[in-house]
PDB file of N, CA and C in Angstrom:
ATOM      1  N   MET A   1      15.487  10.985  -8.165  1.00  0.00           N
ATOM      2  CA  MET A   1      15.021  10.273  -7.167  1.00  0.00           C
ATOM      3  C   MET A   1      14.659   8.733  -7.454  1.00  0.00           C
ATOM      4  N   ASN A   2      15.011   7.793  -6.698  1.00  0.00           N
ATOM      5  CA  ASN A   2      14.679   6.580  -7.010  1.00  0.00           C
ATOM      6  C   ASN A   2      13.570   6.059  -6.011  1.00  0.00           C
ATOM      7  N   TYR A   3      12.746   5.258  -6.567  1.00  0.00           N
ATOM      8  CA  TYR A   3      11.553   4.701  -5.788  1.00  0.00           C
ATOM      9  C   TYR A   3      11.298   3.421  -6.344  1.00  0.00           C
ATOM     10  N   THR A   4      10.620   2.603  -5.750  1.00  0.00           N
ATOM     11  CA  THR A   4      10.003   1.237  -6.032  1.00  0.00           C
ATOM     12  C   THR A   4       8.492   1.301  -5.713  1.00  0.00           C
ATOM     13  N   HIS A   5       7.781   0.643  -6.483  1.00  0.00           N
ATOM     14  CA  HIS A   5       6.319   0.510  -6.109  1.00  0.00           C
ATOM     15  C   HIS A   5       6.309  -0.630  -5.084  1.00  0.00           C
ATOM     16  N   LEU A   6       5.184  -0.497  -4.221  1.00  0.00           N
ATOM     17  CA  LEU A   6       4.928  -1.534  -3.302  1.00  0.00           C
ATOM     18  C   LEU A   6       4.641  -2.791  -4.076  1.00  0.00           C
ATOM     19  N   THR A   7       5.198  -3.811  -3.469  1.00  0.00           N
ATOM     20  CA  THR A   7       4.781  -5.215  -4.047  1.00  0.00           C
ATOM     21  C   THR A   7       3.487  -5.749  -3.352  1.00  0.00           C
ATOM     22  N   GLN A   8       3.076  -6.858  -3.932  1.00  0.00           N
ATOM     23  CA  GLN A   8       1.841  -7.466  -3.650  1.00  0.00           C
ATOM     24  C   GLN A   8       2.265  -8.149  -2.184  1.00  0.00           C
ATOM     25  N   GLU A   9       3.497  -8.572  -1.914  1.00  0.00           N
ATOM     26  CA  GLU A   9       3.753  -9.123  -0.595  1.00  0.00           C
ATOM     27  C   GLU A   9       3.704  -7.968   0.505  1.00  0.00           C
ATOM     28  N   GLU A  10       4.104  -6.753   0.080  1.00  0.00           N
ATOM     29  CA  GLU A  10       4.226  -5.707   1.113  1.00  0.00           C
ATOM     30  C   GLU A  10       2.665  -5.124   1.340  1.00  0.00           C
ATOM     31  N   ARG A  11       1.963  -5.188   0.400  1.00  0.00           N
ATOM     32  CA  ARG A  11       0.374  -4.941   0.597  1.00  0.00           C
ATOM     33  C   ARG A  11      -0.157  -5.986   1.423  1.00  0.00           C
ATOM     34  N   TYR A  12       0.130  -7.076   1.534  1.00  0.00           N
ATOM     35  CA  TYR A  12      -0.374  -8.213   2.333  1.00  0.00           C
ATOM     36  C   TYR A  12       0.161  -8.045   3.709  1.00  0.00           C
ATOM     37  N   GLN A  13       1.355  -7.540   3.871  1.00  0.00           N
ATOM     38  CA  GLN A  13       2.029  -7.240   5.039  1.00  0.00           C
ATOM     39  C   GLN A  13       1.437  -5.927   5.770  1.00  0.00           C
ATOM     40  N   ILE A  14       1.054  -5.112   4.895  1.00  0.00           N
ATOM     41  CA  ILE A  14       0.359  -3.912   5.361  1.00  0.00           C
ATOM     42  C   ILE A  14      -1.031  -4.310   5.928  1.00  0.00           C
ATOM     43  N   TYR A  15      -1.771  -5.159   5.323  1.00  0.00           N
ATOM     44  CA  TYR A  15      -3.137  -5.583   5.744  1.00  0.00           C
ATOM     45  C   TYR A  15      -3.107  -6.307   7.037  1.00  0.00           C
ATOM     46  N   THR A  16      -2.119  -7.187   7.072  1.00  0.00           N
ATOM     47  CA  THR A  16      -1.990  -8.130   8.222  1.00  0.00           C
ATOM     48  C   THR A  16      -1.498  -7.231   9.493  1.00  0.00           C
ATOM     49  N   LEU A  17      -0.518  -6.273   9.301  1.00  0.00           N
ATOM     50  CA  LEU A  17      -0.407  -5.352  10.444  1.00  0.00           C
ATOM     51  C   LEU A  17      -1.339  -4.450  10.882  1.00  0.00           C
ATOM     52  N   LEU A  18      -2.157  -3.953   9.929  1.00  0.00           N
ATOM     53  CA  LEU A  18      -3.161  -3.230  10.359  1.00  0.00           C
ATOM     54  C   LEU A  18      -4.191  -3.852  11.166  1.00  0.00           C
ATOM     55  N   ARG A  19      -4.546  -5.158  10.548  1.00  0.00           N
ATOM     56  CA  ARG A  19      -5.581  -5.812  11.493  1.00  0.00           C
ATOM     57  C   ARG A  19      -5.132  -6.277  12.725  1.00  0.00           C
ATOM     58  N   GLU A  20      -3.820  -6.263  12.860  1.00  0.00           N
ATOM     59  CA  GLU A  20      -3.251  -6.648  14.409  1.00  0.00           C
ATOM     60  C   GLU A  20      -3.043  -5.480  15.159  1.00  0.00           C
ATOM     61  N   GLY A  21      -3.571  -4.171  14.581  1.00  0.00           N
ATOM     62  CA  GLY A  21      -3.609  -2.852  15.464  1.00  0.00           C
ATOM     63  C   GLY A  21      -2.367  -2.102  15.361  1.00  0.00           C
ATOM     64  N   PHE A  22      -1.454  -2.521  14.484  1.00  0.00           N
ATOM     65  CA  PHE A  22      -0.086  -1.607  14.498  1.00  0.00           C
ATOM     66  C   PHE A  22      -0.429  -0.276  13.878  1.00  0.00           C
ATOM     67  N   SER A  23       0.339   0.750  14.283  1.00  0.00           N
ATOM     68  CA  SER A  23       0.315   2.105  13.610  1.00  0.00           C
ATOM     69  C   SER A  23       0.955   1.975  12.226  1.00  0.00           C
ATOM     70  N   LYS A  24       0.707   3.022  11.499  1.00  0.00           N
ATOM     71  CA  LYS A  24       1.208   3.189  10.219  1.00  0.00           C
ATOM     72  C   LYS A  24       2.718   3.519  10.252  1.00  0.00           C
ATOM     73  N   ARG A  25       2.976   4.249  11.263  1.00  0.00           N
ATOM     74  CA  ARG A  25       4.337   4.468  11.502  1.00  0.00           C
ATOM     75  C   ARG A  25       5.376   3.153  11.796  1.00  0.00           C
ATOM     76  N   TYR A  26       4.653   2.236  12.601  1.00  0.00           N
ATOM     77  CA  TYR A  26       5.418   1.077  12.922  1.00  0.00           C
ATOM     78  C   TYR A  26       5.364   0.309  11.656  1.00  0.00           C
ATOM     79  N   ILE A  27       4.339   0.219  10.762  1.00  0.00           N
ATOM     80  CA  ILE A  27       4.348  -0.605   9.609  1.00  0.00           C
ATOM     81  C   ILE A  27       5.306   0.002   8.630  1.00  0.00           C
ATOM     82  N   ALA A  28       5.549   1.188   8.541  1.00  0.00           N
ATOM     83  CA  ALA A  28       6.694   1.960   7.754  1.00  0.00           C
ATOM     84  C   ALA A  28       7.834   1.397   8.097  1.00  0.00           C
ATOM     85  N   TRP A  29       8.105   1.479   9.453  1.00  0.00           N
ATOM     86  CA  TRP A  29       9.486   0.941   9.836  1.00  0.00           C
ATOM     87  C   TRP A  29       9.644  -0.545   9.598  1.00  0.00           C
ATOM     88  N   ARG A  30       8.736  -1.456   9.860  1.00  0.00           N
ATOM     89  CA  ARG A  30       8.912  -2.828   9.532  1.00  0.00           C
ATOM     90  C   ARG A  30       8.995  -3.119   8.148  1.00  0.00           C
ATOM     91  N   LEU A  31       8.494  -2.356   7.174  1.00  0.00           N
ATOM     92  CA  LEU A  31       8.793  -2.477   5.758  1.00  0.00           C
ATOM     93  C   LEU A  31       9.871  -1.685   5.129  1.00  0.00           C
ATOM     94  N   ASN A  32      10.690  -0.957   5.985  1.00  0.00           N
ATOM     95  CA  ASN A  32      11.527  -0.031   5.530  1.00  0.00           C
ATOM     96  C   ASN A  32      11.209   0.974   4.414  1.00  0.00           C
ATOM     97  N   ARG A  33       9.948   1.429   4.599  1.00  0.00           N
ATOM     98  CA  ARG A  33       9.290   2.589   3.853  1.00  0.00           C
ATOM     99  C   ARG A  33       8.932   3.659   4.656  1.00  0.00           C
ATOM    100  N   SER A  34       8.851   4.737   3.851  1.00  0.00           N
ATOM    101  CA  SER A  34       8.515   5.966   4.573  1.00  0.00           C
ATOM    102  C   SER A  34       7.054   6.024   5.072  1.00  0.00           C
ATOM    103  N   PRO A  35       6.797   6.636   6.169  1.00  0.00           N
ATOM    104  CA  PRO A  35       5.436   6.490   6.907  1.00  0.00           C
ATOM    105  C   PRO A  35       4.351   7.132   5.949  1.00  0.00           C
ATOM    106  N   SER A  36       4.734   8.139   5.052  1.00  0.00           N
ATOM    107  CA  SER A  36       3.999   8.843   4.126  1.00  0.00           C
ATOM    108  C   SER A  36       3.525   7.905   2.996  1.00  0.00           C
ATOM    109  N   THR A  37       4.411   7.010   2.664  1.00  0.00           N
ATOM    110  CA  THR A  37       4.207   5.913   1.543  1.00  0.00           C
ATOM    111  C   THR A  37       3.069   5.045   2.131  1.00  0.00           C
ATOM    112  N   ILE A  38       3.286   4.657   3.420  1.00  0.00           N
ATOM    113  CA  ILE A  38       2.365   3.624   3.883  1.00  0.00           C
ATOM    114  C   ILE A  38       0.802   4.347   3.931  1.00  0.00           C
ATOM    115  N   SER A  39       0.878   5.592   4.567  1.00  0.00           N
ATOM    116  CA  SER A  39      -0.369   6.410   4.610  1.00  0.00           C
ATOM    117  C   SER A  39      -1.035   6.576   3.303  1.00  0.00           C
ATOM    118  N   ARG A  40      -0.292   7.033   2.276  1.00  0.00           N
ATOM    119  CA  ARG A  40      -0.664   7.248   0.922  1.00  0.00           C
ATOM    120  C   ARG A  40      -1.365   5.741   0.357  1.00  0.00           C
ATOM    121  N   GLU A  41      -0.600   4.788   0.465  1.00  0.00           N
ATOM    122  CA  GLU A  41      -1.134   3.559   0.075  1.00  0.00           C
ATOM    123  C   GLU A  41      -2.652   3.195   0.484  1.00  0.00           C
ATOM    124  N   ILE A  42      -2.693   3.320   1.872  1.00  0.00           N
ATOM    125  CA  ILE A  42      -3.932   3.013   2.543  1.00  0.00           C
ATOM    126  C   ILE A  42      -4.933   4.017   2.189  1.00  0.00           C
ATOM    127  N   LYS A  43      -4.693   5.149   2.041  1.00  0.00           N
ATOM    128  CA  LYS A  43      -5.659   6.158   1.495  1.00  0.00           C
ATOM    129  C   LYS A  43      -6.252   6.082   0.215  1.00  0.00           C
ATOM    130  N   ARG A  44      -5.268   5.767  -0.820  1.00  0.00           N
ATOM    131  CA  ARG A  44      -5.705   5.418  -2.184  1.00  0.00           C
ATOM    132  C   ARG A  44      -6.306   4.110  -2.592  1.00  0.00           C
ATOM    133  N   ASN A  45      -6.026   3.077  -1.731  1.00  0.00           N
ATOM    134  CA  ASN A  45      -6.533   1.807  -2.201  1.00  0.00           C
ATOM    135  C   ASN A  45      -7.283   1.195  -1.228  1.00  0.00           C
ATOM    136  N   ARG A  46      -8.087   1.835  -0.353  1.00  0.00           N
ATOM    137  CA  ARG A  46      -8.843   1.171   0.574  1.00  0.00           C
ATOM    138  C   ARG A  46     -10.214   1.125   0.110  1.00  0.00           C
ATOM    139  N   ALA A  47     -10.984   0.026   0.506  1.00  0.00           N
ATOM    140  CA  ALA A  47     -12.232  -0.313   0.132  1.00  0.00           C
ATOM    141  C   ALA A  47     -13.079   0.512   0.987  1.00  0.00           C
ATOM    142  N   ARG A  48     -14.504   0.390   0.635  1.00  0.00           N
ATOM    143  CA  ARG A  48     -15.548   0.828   1.662  1.00  0.00           C
ATOM    144  C   ARG A  48     -15.262   0.378   3.149  1.00  0.00           C
ATOM    145  N   ASN A  49     -14.928  -0.936   3.349  1.00  0.00           N
ATOM    146  CA  ASN A  49     -14.988  -1.337   4.595  1.00  0.00           C
ATOM    147  C   ASN A  49     -13.542  -1.586   5.144  1.00  0.00           C
ATOM    148  N   GLY A  50     -12.487  -0.763   4.522  1.00  0.00           N
ATOM    149  CA  GLY A  50     -11.174  -0.993   4.916  1.00  0.00           C
ATOM    150  C   GLY A  50     -10.184  -1.356   4.020  1.00  0.00           C
ATOM    151  N   TYR A  51      -8.896  -1.638   4.233  1.00  0.00           N
ATOM    152  CA  TYR A  51      -7.845  -1.867   3.443  1.00  0.00           C
ATOM    153  C   TYR A  51      -7.798  -3.239   3.339  1.00  0.00           C
ATOM    154  N   PHE A  52      -7.674  -3.721   2.107  1.00  0.00           N
ATOM    155  CA  PHE A  52      -7.449  -5.243   1.761  1.00  0.00           C
ATOM    156  C   PHE A  52      -6.447  -5.397   0.621  1.00  0.00           C
ATOM    157  N   ALA A  53      -5.547  -6.226   0.939  1.00  0.00           N
ATOM    158  CA  ALA A  53      -4.338  -6.207  -0.071  1.00  0.00           C
ATOM    159  C   ALA A  53      -4.603  -6.480  -1.425  1.00  0.00           C
ATOM    160  N   LYS A  54      -5.409  -7.663  -1.711  1.00  0.00           N
ATOM    161  CA  LYS A  54      -5.910  -8.160  -2.946  1.00  0.00           C
ATOM    162  C   LYS A  54      -6.475  -6.885  -3.646  1.00  0.00           C
ATOM    163  N   HIS A  55      -7.469  -6.180  -3.039  1.00  0.00           N
ATOM    164  CA  HIS A  55      -8.295  -5.041  -3.720  1.00  0.00           C
ATOM    165  C   HIS A  55      -7.105  -4.003  -4.063  1.00  0.00           C
ATOM    166  N   ALA A  56      -6.285  -3.693  -3.163  1.00  0.00           N
ATOM    167  CA  ALA A  56      -5.374  -2.533  -3.233  1.00  0.00           C
ATOM    168  C   ALA A  56      -4.409  -2.845  -4.309  1.00  0.00           C
ATOM    169  N   HIS A  57      -3.958  -4.159  -4.456  1.00  0.00           N
ATOM    170  CA  HIS A  57      -3.040  -4.289  -5.637  1.00  0.00           C
ATOM    171  C   HIS A  57      -3.560  -4.416  -6.940  1.00  0.00           C
ATOM    172  N   LYS A  58      -4.984  -4.826  -6.851  1.00  0.00           N
ATOM    173  CA  LYS A  58      -5.770  -4.724  -8.255  1.00  0.00           C
ATOM    174  C   LYS A  58      -5.965  -3.175  -8.599  1.00  0.00           C
ATOM    175  N   LEU A  59      -6.246  -2.406  -7.849  1.00  0.00           N
ATOM    176  CA  LEU A  59      -6.358  -0.830  -8.061  1.00  0.00           C
ATOM    177  C   LEU A  59      -5.131  -0.232  -8.592  1.00  0.00           C
ATOM    178  N   ALA A  60      -4.094  -0.673  -7.894  1.00  0.00           N
ATOM    179  CA  ALA A  60      -2.697  -0.009  -8.050  1.00  0.00           C
ATOM    180  C   ALA A  60      -2.248  -0.501  -9.619  1.00  0.00           C
ATOM    181  N   ARG A  61      -2.554  -1.885  -9.855  1.00  0.00           N
ATOM    182  CA  ARG A  61      -2.210  -2.300 -11.360  1.00  0.00           C
ATOM    183  C   ARG A  61      -2.944  -1.607 -12.230  1.00  0.00           C
ATOM    184  N   ARG A  62      -4.275  -1.350 -12.102  1.00  0.00           N
ATOM    185  CA  ARG A  62      -5.123  -0.700 -12.993  1.00  0.00           C
ATOM    186  C   ARG A  62      -4.803   0.515 -13.211  1.00  0.00           C
ATOM    187  N   ARG A  63      -4.418   1.332 -12.063  1.00  0.00           N
ATOM    188  CA  ARG A  63      -3.911   2.722 -12.346  1.00  0.00           C
ATOM    189  C   ARG A  63      -2.553   2.702 -13.297  1.00  0.00           C
ATOM    190  N   HIS A  64      -1.661   1.821 -12.879  1.00  0.00           N
ATOM    191  CA  HIS A  64      -0.325   1.847 -13.581  1.00  0.00           C
ATOM    192  C   HIS A  64      -0.594   1.377 -15.079  1.00  0.00           C
ATOM    193  N   HIS A  65      -1.475   0.666 -15.412  1.00  0.00           N
ATOM    194  CA  HIS A  65      -1.715   0.288 -16.854  1.00  0.00           C
ATOM    195  C   HIS A  65      -2.450   1.124 -17.649  1.00  0.00           C
ATOM    196  N   SER A  66      -3.227   2.124 -16.968  1.00  0.00           N
ATOM    197  CA  SER A  66      -4.077   3.100 -17.665  1.00  0.00           C
ATOM    198  C   SER A  66      -3.330   4.395 -17.634  1.00  0.00           C
ATOM    199  N   ASN A  67      -2.175   4.369 -17.206  1.00  0.00           N
ATOM    200  CA  ASN A  67      -1.314   5.675 -17.269  1.00  0.00           C
ATOM    201  C   ASN A  67      -0.184   5.620 -18.265  1.00  0.00           C
ATOM    202  N   PRO A  68      -0.355   5.963 -19.486  1.00  0.00           N
ATOM    203  CA  PRO A  68       0.733   5.720 -20.414  1.00  0.00           C
ATOM    204  C   PRO A  68       1.818   6.856 -20.333  1.00  0.00           C
ATOM    205  N   GLN A  69       2.834   6.419 -20.465  1.00  0.00           N
ATOM    206  CA  GLN A  69       4.188   7.271 -20.216  1.00  0.00           C
ATOM    207  C   GLN A  69       4.175   8.202 -21.587  1.00  0.00           C
ATOM    208  N   LEU A  70       4.696   9.294 -21.239  1.00  0.00           N
ATOM    209  CA  LEU A  70       4.489  10.350 -22.204  1.00  0.00           C
ATOM    210  C   LEU A  70       5.976  10.572 -22.836  1.00  0.00           C
TER     211      LEU A  70
END
């Protein structure tokens, strides 16, 4: 199964579209991603007061670098 990580640009698009009131399903369609990918991204990387792209990207990078491949 092939997949790609979300880019910082995609995270900014998610942030913007959420702020404009679009649904996760619509955001997924716009980014050509699965709705579950968008939902997981928001759930995993949200701050106390909402989803912010810069914060989300920092958390994702931190998880990526702290998980050594076996």
